[in-house]
Amino acid sequence: MASKILGLSVIDLMKNENLLEVAKEEFEKELEAKGNYSPPLPEGTSPPLY
């Protein structure tokens, strides 16, 4: 059920450019309010891949 909802949401975003712009603006506002994301790993390191 969740995959259907996500898929239909993507179709809505692809059909309606205004909706996509609103979503982008909302995402930017949320990111700005929470502060910029910084990864928990120090720069130059990689997580183990085993």
N, C-alpha and C. Protein backbone atom coordinates (compact mmCIF):
# COMPACT_ATOMS: atom_id res chain seq x y z
N MET A 1 0.83 -1.20 0.00
CA MET A 1 0.00 0.00 0.00
C MET A 1 0.87 1.26 0.00
N ALA A 2 1.91 1.26 0.80
CA ALA A 2 2.77 2.45 0.87
C ALA A 2 3.46 2.70 -0.47
N SER A 3 3.83 1.63 -1.17
CA SER A 3 4.50 1.82 -2.46
C SER A 3 3.55 2.46 -3.47
N LYS A 4 2.28 2.14 -3.40
CA LYS A 4 1.30 2.75 -4.30
C LYS A 4 1.19 4.25 -4.01
N ILE A 5 1.15 4.59 -2.75
CA ILE A 5 1.03 5.99 -2.36
C ILE A 5 2.24 6.78 -2.82
N LEU A 6 3.43 6.21 -2.60
CA LEU A 6 4.65 6.89 -3.04
C LEU A 6 4.68 7.03 -4.56
N GLY A 7 4.31 5.98 -5.26
CA GLY A 7 4.31 6.03 -6.72
C GLY A 7 3.34 7.06 -7.26
N LEU A 8 2.14 7.11 -6.70
CA LEU A 8 1.16 8.10 -7.15
C LEU A 8 1.58 9.52 -6.79
N SER A 9 2.27 9.67 -5.67
CA SER A 9 2.79 10.99 -5.29
C SER A 9 3.82 11.48 -6.30
N VAL A 10 4.68 10.58 -6.74
CA VAL A 10 5.69 10.94 -7.75
C VAL A 10 5.01 11.35 -9.05
N ILE A 11 3.98 10.62 -9.44
CA ILE A 11 3.25 10.97 -10.66
C ILE A 11 2.62 12.36 -10.52
N ASP A 12 2.04 12.65 -9.36
CA ASP A 12 1.45 13.98 -9.12
C ASP A 12 2.52 15.06 -9.26
N LEU A 13 3.70 14.82 -8.70
CA LEU A 13 4.78 15.81 -8.77
C LEU A 13 5.26 15.99 -10.20
N MET A 14 5.29 14.92 -10.98
CA MET A 14 5.75 15.01 -12.37
C MET A 14 4.72 15.75 -13.24
N LYS A 15 3.46 15.61 -12.94
CA LYS A 15 2.41 16.24 -13.73
C LYS A 15 2.24 17.72 -13.40
N ASN A 16 2.49 18.10 -12.16
CA ASN A 16 2.21 19.46 -11.70
C ASN A 16 3.51 20.14 -11.27
N GLU A 17 4.06 20.97 -12.16
CA GLU A 17 5.33 21.65 -11.86
C GLU A 17 5.21 22.59 -10.67
N ASN A 18 4.06 23.21 -10.49
CA ASN A 18 3.84 24.11 -9.36
C ASN A 18 3.95 23.34 -8.04
N LEU A 19 3.39 22.16 -8.01
CA LEU A 19 3.44 21.32 -6.81
C LEU A 19 4.88 20.96 -6.47
N LEU A 20 5.67 20.68 -7.50
CA LEU A 20 7.09 20.35 -7.31
C LEU A 20 7.84 21.55 -6.73
N GLU A 21 7.57 22.73 -7.23
CA GLU A 21 8.23 23.93 -6.72
C GLU A 21 7.86 24.18 -5.26
N VAL A 22 6.61 23.98 -4.92
CA VAL A 22 6.16 24.16 -3.53
C VAL A 22 6.87 23.15 -2.62
N ALA A 23 7.00 21.92 -3.09
CA ALA A 23 7.67 20.89 -2.30
C ALA A 23 9.15 21.24 -2.10
N LYS A 24 9.80 21.75 -3.14
CA LYS A 24 11.21 22.14 -3.04
C LYS A 24 11.37 23.28 -2.03
N GLU A 25 10.48 24.27 -2.10
CA GLU A 25 10.55 25.40 -1.17
C GLU A 25 10.35 24.93 0.27
N GLU A 26 9.39 24.06 0.48
CA GLU A 26 9.13 23.54 1.82
C GLU A 26 10.34 22.76 2.33
N PHE A 27 10.95 21.96 1.46
CA PHE A 27 12.13 21.20 1.84
C PHE A 27 13.28 22.12 2.24
N GLU A 28 13.50 23.17 1.46
CA GLU A 28 14.56 24.13 1.77
C GLU A 28 14.30 24.82 3.11
N LYS A 29 13.05 25.18 3.38
CA LYS A 29 12.71 25.83 4.65
C LYS A 29 12.98 24.88 5.83
N GLU A 30 12.59 23.62 5.69
CA GLU A 30 12.82 22.64 6.74
C GLU A 30 14.31 22.45 6.99
N LEU A 31 15.07 22.36 5.90
CA LEU A 31 16.52 22.18 6.02
C LEU A 31 17.15 23.38 6.72
N GLU A 32 16.70 24.57 6.35
CA GLU A 32 17.23 25.79 6.94
C GLU A 32 16.88 25.88 8.43
N ALA A 33 15.66 25.47 8.79
CA ALA A 33 15.20 25.55 10.17
C ALA A 33 15.97 24.58 11.07
N LYS A 34 16.32 23.42 10.51
CA LYS A 34 17.03 22.41 11.30
C LYS A 34 18.53 22.57 11.24
N GLY A 35 19.01 23.48 10.43
CA GLY A 35 20.44 23.66 10.27
C GLY A 35 20.94 22.78 9.14
N ASN A 36 22.08 23.12 8.64
CA ASN A 36 22.63 22.35 7.53
C ASN A 36 23.03 20.96 7.99
N TYR A 37 22.85 20.00 7.11
CA TYR A 37 23.19 18.61 7.42
C TYR A 37 24.69 18.43 7.35
N SER A 38 25.24 17.76 8.33
CA SER A 38 26.65 17.37 8.28
C SER A 38 26.73 15.89 8.60
N PRO A 39 27.43 15.13 7.78
CA PRO A 39 27.50 13.69 7.99
C PRO A 39 28.22 13.35 9.29
N PRO A 40 27.85 12.24 9.92
CA PRO A 40 28.47 11.88 11.19
C PRO A 40 29.91 11.39 11.05
N LEU A 41 30.32 10.97 9.86
CA LEU A 41 31.69 10.51 9.65
C LEU A 41 32.60 11.69 9.37
N PRO A 42 33.81 11.66 9.89
CA PRO A 42 34.77 12.72 9.57
C PRO A 42 35.08 12.73 8.08
N GLU A 43 35.42 13.89 7.57
CA GLU A 43 35.71 14.03 6.15
C GLU A 43 36.90 13.15 5.77
N GLY A 44 36.79 12.47 4.65
CA GLY A 44 37.87 11.63 4.16
C GLY A 44 37.77 10.18 4.62
N THR A 45 36.78 9.84 5.45
CA THR A 45 36.63 8.46 5.89
C THR A 45 35.44 7.82 5.20
N SER A 46 35.44 6.49 5.20
CA SER A 46 34.34 5.76 4.59
C SER A 46 33.81 4.73 5.59
N PRO A 47 32.53 4.43 5.52
CA PRO A 47 31.99 3.40 6.41
C PRO A 47 32.49 2.02 5.96
N PRO A 48 32.56 1.07 6.87
CA PRO A 48 32.96 -0.27 6.47
C PRO A 48 31.93 -0.89 5.52
N LEU A 49 32.39 -1.57 4.51
CA LEU A 49 31.49 -2.13 3.51
C LEU A 49 31.47 -3.65 3.53
N TYR A 50 31.77 -4.26 4.65
CA TYR A 50 31.76 -5.72 4.71
C TYR A 50 30.47 -6.24 5.28
